[in-house]
C-alpha cells in the first residue's frame, strides 16, 4: 500500500516536468515574469531621445479609465527635411526590460502609409514572422528610412507587435492581468525637398490679347 502511494506521488511530481508553456518559442522554459518592451527614439531632429514607457507613465491619468484599462500612447517621429535624392534615417531602439525573451515580430504598415519609408535591416522570412529575439536586459536597433524619390510631405503609420502580450504559464496570477503593450503604433513623417517641388512642364501660358503699351 505504501509502495502504491509513493508511486502515485512520484507520477504526479514527474508530470510537472512535462508541463509546457502554450505560447511562443521564446517563452518556453522562461521564468514566471513576462517580457516587457520599451522603445526609444528621437522624436524631432536635434531633440533628446524619448522612450515609450516614460510616455506611458506620464500619461497614465489621461489615458486610463477607472477600471484600469488604458489606451496605449502612440509614438510620433519626424525625420526632418531631406533632399530629393537623399536618405533620411531614424534609429529606433527596442529594449527588453522584462525577465523572459522578447519576440519582436515583423513590423507592419497601416493602409495609406508612404512606401518611401523603409525598414532596415530588412527582416528575414521565417514561419513565425519574427524580426528579432531580444534577451532580458538587451536591446535591438533598427532604422526607419525615408528615401527622397518623391517630393513633398511623406507620412507612414507603422505597427509594432511583440510577445509582450504573452506570459509563461507559471506567471503569478497578479501578473497575468497586466495589460500588454502590443501593438504599439509609430507615426512617421518627413519632408522631401528639392527641384521636384517646382517641376518643369511643356505647358503654355496664355495671357490673352494685349495691346502694345497697355496692361491687361
C-alpha atoms as a PDB file:
ATOM      1  CA  UNK A   1       0.000   0.000   0.000  1.00  0.00           C
ATOM      2  CA  UNK A   2       2.829   2.322   0.909  1.00  0.00           C
ATOM      3  CA  UNK A   3       4.548   1.486  -2.376  1.00  0.00           C
ATOM      4  CA  UNK A   4       1.446   2.410  -4.407  1.00  0.00           C
ATOM      5  CA  UNK A   5       1.085   5.717  -2.557  1.00  0.00           C
ATOM      6  CA  UNK A   6       4.689   6.633  -3.261  1.00  0.00           C
ATOM      7  CA  UNK A   7       4.247   5.622  -6.898  1.00  0.00           C
ATOM      8  CA  UNK A   8       1.235   7.930  -7.290  1.00  0.00           C
ATOM      9  CA  UNK A   9       3.125  10.846  -5.692  1.00  0.00           C
ATOM     10  CA  UNK A  10       6.062  10.248  -7.988  1.00  0.00           C
ATOM     11  CA  UNK A  11       3.781  10.143 -11.004  1.00  0.00           C
ATOM     12  CA  UNK A  12       2.195  13.491 -10.095  1.00  0.00           C
ATOM     13  CA  UNK A  13       5.555  15.137  -9.494  1.00  0.00           C
ATOM     14  CA  UNK A  14       7.041  13.816 -12.708  1.00  0.00           C
ATOM     15  CA  UNK A  15       4.064  15.137 -14.680  1.00  0.00           C
ATOM     16  CA  UNK A  16       5.035  18.683 -13.757  1.00  0.00           C
ATOM     17  CA  UNK A  17       8.294  18.206 -15.602  1.00  0.00           C
ATOM     18  CA  UNK A  18       6.383  17.961 -18.859  1.00  0.00           C
ATOM     19  CA  UNK A  19       4.096  20.960 -18.359  1.00  0.00           C
ATOM     20  CA  UNK A  20       4.996  23.453 -21.055  1.00  0.00           C
ATOM     21  CA  UNK A  21       4.002  26.947 -21.974  1.00  0.00           C
ATOM     22  CA  UNK A  22       1.331  27.173 -24.659  1.00  0.00           C
ATOM     23  CA  UNK A  23       2.932  30.274 -26.166  1.00  0.00           C
ATOM     24  CA  UNK A  24       5.742  31.495 -28.409  1.00  0.00           C
ATOM     25  CA  UNK A  25       9.108  29.770 -28.619  1.00  0.00           C
ATOM     26  CA  UNK A  26      10.842  32.486 -26.618  1.00  0.00           C
ATOM     27  CA  UNK A  27       8.694  31.843 -23.553  1.00  0.00           C
ATOM     28  CA  UNK A  28       9.205  28.098 -23.339  1.00  0.00           C
ATOM     29  CA  UNK A  29      11.159  27.360 -20.188  1.00  0.00           C
ATOM     30  CA  UNK A  30      11.079  31.022 -19.184  1.00  0.00           C
ATOM     31  CA  UNK A  31      10.716  32.365 -15.666  1.00  0.00           C
ATOM     32  CA  UNK A  32       7.363  33.418 -14.262  1.00  0.00           C
ATOM     33  CA  UNK A  33       7.889  37.058 -15.220  1.00  0.00           C
ATOM     34  CA  UNK A  34       6.855  38.065 -18.766  1.00  0.00           C
ATOM     35  CA  UNK A  35       8.902  40.053 -21.294  1.00  0.00           C
ATOM     36  CA  UNK A  36       8.438  43.827 -21.339  1.00  0.00           C
ATOM     37  CA  UNK A  37       9.020  46.029 -24.363  1.00  0.00           C
ATOM     38  CA  UNK A  38      10.348  49.566 -24.367  1.00  0.00           C
ATOM     39  CA  UNK A  39      11.016  51.676 -27.472  1.00  0.00           C
ATOM     40  CA  UNK A  40      13.366  54.669 -27.556  1.00  0.00           C
ATOM     41  CA  UNK A  41      13.925  57.180 -30.386  1.00  0.00           C
ATOM     42  CA  UNK A  42      14.483  60.870 -31.167  1.00  0.00           C
ATOM     43  CA  UNK A  43      11.084  62.474 -31.951  1.00  0.00           C
ATOM     44  CA  UNK A  44      12.423  65.557 -33.776  1.00  0.00           C
ATOM     45  CA  UNK A  45      15.835  66.336 -35.278  1.00  0.00           C
ATOM     46  CA  UNK A  46      18.063  67.841 -32.589  1.00  0.00           C
ATOM     47  CA  UNK A  47      15.846  66.815 -29.662  1.00  0.00           C
ATOM     48  CA  UNK A  48      16.647  64.386 -26.868  1.00  0.00           C
ATOM     49  CA  UNK A  49      15.692  60.727 -27.033  1.00  0.00           C
ATOM     50  CA  UNK A  50      12.361  59.694 -25.519  1.00  0.00           C
ATOM     51  CA  UNK A  51      11.068  56.249 -24.560  1.00  0.00           C
ATOM     52  CA  UNK A  52       7.678  54.585 -24.744  1.00  0.00           C
ATOM     53  CA  UNK A  53       7.436  53.553 -21.084  1.00  0.00           C
ATOM     54  CA  UNK A  54       8.185  57.119 -19.941  1.00  0.00           C
ATOM     55  CA  UNK A  55       5.394  58.445 -22.158  1.00  0.00           C
ATOM     56  CA  UNK A  56       3.041  55.771 -20.874  1.00  0.00           C
ATOM     57  CA  UNK A  57       3.832  56.589 -17.243  1.00  0.00           C
ATOM     58  CA  UNK A  58       3.432  60.348 -17.775  1.00  0.00           C
ATOM     59  CA  UNK A  59       0.020  59.935 -19.433  1.00  0.00           C
ATOM     60  CA  UNK A  60      -1.481  57.306 -17.139  1.00  0.00           C
ATOM     61  CA  UNK A  61      -4.077  59.661 -15.667  1.00  0.00           C
ATOM     62  CA  UNK A  62      -5.382  60.877 -19.026  1.00  0.00           C
ATOM     63  CA  UNK A  63      -5.186  57.527 -20.842  1.00  0.00           C
ATOM     64  CA  UNK A  64      -6.607  55.170 -18.201  1.00  0.00           C
ATOM     65  CA  UNK A  65     -10.171  54.552 -17.072  1.00  0.00           C
ATOM     66  CA  UNK A  66     -11.324  53.886 -13.518  1.00  0.00           C
ATOM     67  CA  UNK A  67     -11.324  50.113 -14.106  1.00  0.00           C
ATOM     68  CA  UNK A  68      -7.648  50.136 -15.052  1.00  0.00           C
ATOM     69  CA  UNK A  69      -7.955  49.845 -18.825  1.00  0.00           C
ATOM     70  CA  UNK A  70      -5.550  52.182 -20.609  1.00  0.00           C
ATOM     71  CA  UNK A  71      -5.184  53.467 -24.142  1.00  0.00           C
ATOM     72  CA  UNK A  72      -1.597  52.845 -25.192  1.00  0.00           C
ATOM     73  CA  UNK A  73       0.240  56.045 -26.168  1.00  0.00           C
ATOM     74  CA  UNK A  74       1.183  56.384 -29.826  1.00  0.00           C
ATOM     75  CA  UNK A  75       4.705  57.338 -30.846  1.00  0.00           C
ATOM     76  CA  UNK A  76       5.382  60.224 -33.236  1.00  0.00           C
ATOM     77  CA  UNK A  77       8.667  60.867 -35.022  1.00  0.00           C
ATOM     78  CA  UNK A  78       9.758  63.427 -37.595  1.00  0.00           C
ATOM     79  CA  UNK A  79      12.714  62.570 -39.818  1.00  0.00           C
ATOM     80  CA  UNK A  80      13.016  66.210 -40.857  1.00  0.00           C
ATOM     81  CA  UNK A  81      13.724  67.502 -44.375  1.00  0.00           C
ATOM     82  CA  UNK A  82      15.837  65.554 -46.854  1.00  0.00           C
ATOM     83  CA  UNK A  83      16.959  66.239 -50.423  1.00  0.00           C
ATOM     84  CA  UNK A  84      15.146  64.684 -53.344  1.00  0.00           C
ATOM     85  CA  UNK A  85      17.920  62.149 -53.915  1.00  0.00           C
ATOM     86  CA  UNK A  86      18.879  61.847 -50.255  1.00  0.00           C
ATOM     87  CA  UNK A  87      18.093  59.371 -47.482  1.00  0.00           C
ATOM     88  CA  UNK A  88      16.710  60.169 -44.047  1.00  0.00           C
ATOM     89  CA  UNK A  89      17.311  57.742 -41.186  1.00  0.00           C
ATOM     90  CA  UNK A  90      15.796  57.399 -37.721  1.00  0.00           C
ATOM     91  CA  UNK A  91      17.454  54.884 -35.351  1.00  0.00           C
ATOM     92  CA  UNK A  92      14.932  53.111 -33.127  1.00  0.00           C
ATOM     93  CA  UNK A  93      15.971  51.053 -30.100  1.00  0.00           C
ATOM     94  CA  UNK A  94      13.790  48.212 -28.832  1.00  0.00           C
ATOM     95  CA  UNK A  95      14.667  47.133 -25.303  1.00  0.00           C
ATOM     96  CA  UNK A  96      13.563  44.133 -23.270  1.00  0.00           C
ATOM     97  CA  UNK A  97      13.197  45.318 -19.683  1.00  0.00           C
ATOM     98  CA  UNK A  98      11.355  42.138 -18.648  1.00  0.00           C
ATOM     99  CA  UNK A  99      12.663  38.768 -17.478  1.00  0.00           C
ATOM    100  CA  UNK A 100      11.793  36.500 -20.417  1.00  0.00           C
ATOM    101  CA  UNK A 101      12.889  36.632 -24.080  1.00  0.00           C
ATOM    102  CA  UNK A 102      11.038  39.272 -26.093  1.00  0.00           C
ATOM    103  CA  UNK A 103       9.982  38.365 -29.620  1.00  0.00           C
ATOM    104  CA  UNK A 104       9.690  41.386 -31.911  1.00  0.00           C
ATOM    105  CA  UNK A 105       7.586  40.495 -34.932  1.00  0.00           C
ATOM    106  CA  UNK A 106       7.961  41.875 -38.446  1.00  0.00           C
ATOM    107  CA  UNK A 107       6.812  45.483 -38.409  1.00  0.00           C
ATOM    108  CA  UNK A 108       3.716  46.203 -40.467  1.00  0.00           C
ATOM    109  CA  UNK A 109       2.485  49.334 -42.217  1.00  0.00           C
ATOM    110  CA  UNK A 110      -1.062  50.619 -41.948  1.00  0.00           C
ATOM    111  CA  UNK A 111      -3.017  51.339 -45.151  1.00  0.00           C
ATOM    112  CA  UNK A 112      -2.160  54.711 -46.654  1.00  0.00           C
ATOM    113  CA  UNK A 113       1.460  54.666 -45.472  1.00  0.00           C
ATOM    114  CA  UNK A 114       4.010  56.048 -47.917  1.00  0.00           C
ATOM    115  CA  UNK A 115       6.115  53.302 -49.491  1.00  0.00           C
ATOM    116  CA  UNK A 116       9.047  55.747 -49.342  1.00  0.00           C
ATOM    117  CA  UNK A 117       9.534  54.712 -45.718  1.00  0.00           C
ATOM    118  CA  UNK A 118      11.600  51.545 -45.438  1.00  0.00           C
ATOM    119  CA  UNK A 119      12.692  49.276 -42.607  1.00  0.00           C
ATOM    120  CA  UNK A 120      16.383  48.464 -42.153  1.00  0.00           C
ATOM    121  CA  UNK A 121      17.696  45.877 -41.737  1.00  0.00           C
ATOM    122  CA  UNK A 122      15.234  44.001 -43.933  1.00  0.00           C
ATOM    123  CA  UNK A 123      13.506  41.182 -41.986  1.00  0.00           C
ATOM    124  CA  UNK A 124      14.424  37.616 -42.909  1.00  0.00           C
ATOM    125  CA  UNK A 125      11.478  35.456 -43.901  1.00  0.00           C
ATOM    126  CA  UNK A 126      10.513  32.820 -41.307  1.00  0.00           C
ATOM    127  CA  UNK A 127       7.403  30.864 -40.353  1.00  0.00           C
ATOM    128  CA  UNK A 128       6.977  32.665 -37.021  1.00  0.00           C
ATOM    129  CA  UNK A 129       7.280  36.128 -38.619  1.00  0.00           C
ATOM    130  CA  UNK A 130       9.902  37.052 -36.004  1.00  0.00           C
ATOM    131  CA  UNK A 131      12.059  40.108 -36.723  1.00  0.00           C
ATOM    132  CA  UNK A 132      14.313  39.738 -33.675  1.00  0.00           C
ATOM    133  CA  UNK A 133      14.510  37.897 -30.342  1.00  0.00           C
ATOM    134  CA  UNK A 134      15.739  40.155 -27.555  1.00  0.00           C
ATOM    135  CA  UNK A 135      17.039  38.598 -24.350  1.00  0.00           C
ATOM    136  CA  UNK A 136      16.256  40.217 -20.951  1.00  0.00           C
ATOM    137  CA  UNK A 137      18.345  43.334 -20.406  1.00  0.00           C
ATOM    138  CA  UNK A 138      19.386  43.557 -24.058  1.00  0.00           C
ATOM    139  CA  UNK A 139      18.255  45.679 -26.998  1.00  0.00           C
ATOM    140  CA  UNK A 140      17.829  45.541 -30.767  1.00  0.00           C
ATOM    141  CA  UNK A 141      18.165  48.530 -33.067  1.00  0.00           C
ATOM    142  CA  UNK A 142      16.534  49.093 -36.437  1.00  0.00           C
ATOM    143  CA  UNK A 143      16.099  52.146 -38.617  1.00  0.00           C
ATOM    144  CA  UNK A 144      13.179  53.875 -40.273  1.00  0.00           C
ATOM    145  CA  UNK A 145      14.489  55.196 -43.571  1.00  0.00           C
ATOM    146  CA  UNK A 146      12.882  57.770 -45.854  1.00  0.00           C
ATOM    147  CA  UNK A 147      14.015  57.711 -49.468  1.00  0.00           C
ATOM    148  CA  UNK A 148      13.819  61.008 -51.329  1.00  0.00           C
ATOM    149  CA  UNK A 149      12.318  59.750 -54.564  1.00  0.00           C
ATOM    150  CA  UNK A 150       9.028  61.631 -54.291  1.00  0.00           C
ATOM    151  CA  UNK A 151       8.787  65.293 -53.283  1.00  0.00           C
ATOM    152  CA  UNK A 152       6.574  66.802 -50.639  1.00  0.00           C
ATOM    153  CA  UNK A 153       5.421  65.602 -47.210  1.00  0.00           C
ATOM    154  CA  UNK A 154       5.578  61.860 -46.556  1.00  0.00           C
ATOM    155  CA  UNK A 155       3.826  60.001 -43.740  1.00  0.00           C
ATOM    156  CA  UNK A 156       3.573  56.413 -42.552  1.00  0.00           C
ATOM    157  CA  UNK A 157       1.995  54.523 -39.686  1.00  0.00           C
ATOM    158  CA  UNK A 158       3.984  51.505 -38.522  1.00  0.00           C
ATOM    159  CA  UNK A 159       2.543  48.761 -36.337  1.00  0.00           C
ATOM    160  CA  UNK A 160       4.950  47.240 -33.805  1.00  0.00           C
ATOM    161  CA  UNK A 161       3.858  43.918 -32.293  1.00  0.00           C
ATOM    162  CA  UNK A 162       5.620  41.569 -29.915  1.00  0.00           C
ATOM    163  CA  UNK A 163       5.024  38.747 -27.456  1.00  0.00           C
ATOM    164  CA  UNK A 164       4.696  41.346 -24.709  1.00  0.00           C
ATOM    165  CA  UNK A 165       1.095  40.107 -24.868  1.00  0.00           C
ATOM    166  CA  UNK A 166       2.091  36.613 -23.721  1.00  0.00           C
ATOM    167  CA  UNK A 167       3.114  35.302 -20.315  1.00  0.00           C
ATOM    168  CA  UNK A 168       4.590  31.947 -19.272  1.00  0.00           C
ATOM    169  CA  UNK A 169       2.148  29.525 -17.700  1.00  0.00           C
ATOM    170  CA  UNK A 170       3.899  29.762 -14.324  1.00  0.00           C
ATOM    171  CA  UNK A 171       3.442  33.543 -14.151  1.00  0.00           C
ATOM    172  CA  UNK A 172       1.879  34.620 -10.826  1.00  0.00           C
ATOM    173  CA  UNK A 173      -1.819  35.424 -11.004  1.00  0.00           C
ATOM    174  CA  UNK A 174      -1.276  39.092 -10.128  1.00  0.00           C
ATOM    175  CA  UNK A 175       0.984  39.471 -13.180  1.00  0.00           C
ATOM    176  CA  UNK A 176      -1.378  37.789 -15.643  1.00  0.00           C
ATOM    177  CA  UNK A 177      -3.783  40.737 -15.580  1.00  0.00           C
ATOM    178  CA  UNK A 178      -1.164  43.284 -16.674  1.00  0.00           C
ATOM    179  CA  UNK A 179      -2.233  44.972 -19.917  1.00  0.00           C
ATOM    180  CA  UNK A 180       0.134  44.050 -22.767  1.00  0.00           C
ATOM    181  CA  UNK A 181       1.989  46.752 -24.690  1.00  0.00           C
ATOM    182  CA  UNK A 182       1.191  45.349 -28.122  1.00  0.00           C
ATOM    183  CA  UNK A 183       0.522  46.607 -30.688  1.00  0.00           C
ATOM    184  CA  UNK A 184       2.319  49.955 -30.466  1.00  0.00           C
ATOM    185  CA  UNK A 185       1.798  52.484 -33.257  1.00  0.00           C
ATOM    186  CA  UNK A 186       4.678  54.583 -34.586  1.00  0.00           C
ATOM    187  CA  UNK A 187       3.643  57.556 -36.738  1.00  0.00           C
ATOM    188  CA  UNK A 188       6.413  58.734 -39.059  1.00  0.00           C
ATOM    189  CA  UNK A 189       6.665  61.891 -41.146  1.00  0.00           C
ATOM    190  CA  UNK A 190       9.244  63.724 -43.180  1.00  0.00           C
ATOM    191  CA  UNK A 191       9.621  66.273 -45.961  1.00  0.00           C
ATOM    192  CA  UNK A 192      11.399  65.655 -49.244  1.00  0.00           C
ATOM    193  CA  UNK A 193      12.552  68.944 -50.788  1.00  0.00           C
ATOM    194  CA  UNK A 194      14.393  69.936 -53.959  1.00  0.00           C
ATOM    195  CA  UNK A 195      13.819  70.944 -57.587  1.00  0.00           C
ATOM    196  CA  UNK A 196      10.986  68.457 -57.980  1.00  0.00           C
ATOM    197  CA  UNK A 197       8.777  70.690 -55.835  1.00  0.00           C
ATOM    198  CA  UNK A 198       8.652  73.045 -58.843  1.00  0.00           C
ATOM    199  CA  UNK A 199       8.537  70.673 -61.823  1.00  0.00           C
ATOM    200  CA  UNK A 200       9.124  71.970 -65.336  1.00  0.00           C
ATOM    201  CA  UNK A 201       6.423  71.098 -67.863  1.00  0.00           C
ATOM    202  CA  UNK A 202       5.672  71.727 -71.513  1.00  0.00           C
ATOM    203  CA  UNK A 203       2.572  73.729 -70.626  1.00  0.00           C
ATOM    204  CA  UNK A 204       1.984  77.022 -72.468  1.00  0.00           C
ATOM    205  CA  UNK A 205       0.786  80.077 -70.565  1.00  0.00           C
ATOM    206  CA  UNK A 206      -1.810  82.271 -72.319  1.00  0.00           C
ATOM    207  CA  UNK A 207      -2.292  85.896 -71.249  1.00  0.00           C
ATOM    208  CA  UNK A 208      -4.991  86.782 -73.771  1.00  0.00           C
ATOM    209  CA  UNK A 209      -4.851  89.664 -76.236  1.00  0.00           C
ATOM    210  CA  UNK A 210      -2.712  92.550 -75.024  1.00  0.00           C
ATOM    211  CA  UNK A 211      -2.350  95.886 -76.905  1.00  0.00           C
ATOM    212  CA  UNK A 212       1.223  97.125 -77.029  1.00  0.00           C
ATOM    213  CA  UNK A 213       1.782  99.801 -74.445  1.00  0.00           C
ATOM    214  CA  UNK A 214      -1.150  98.748 -72.283  1.00  0.00           C
ATOM    215  CA  UNK A 215      -1.539  96.315 -69.432  1.00  0.00           C
ATOM    216  CA  UNK A 216      -4.371  93.866 -69.167  1.00  0.00           C
END
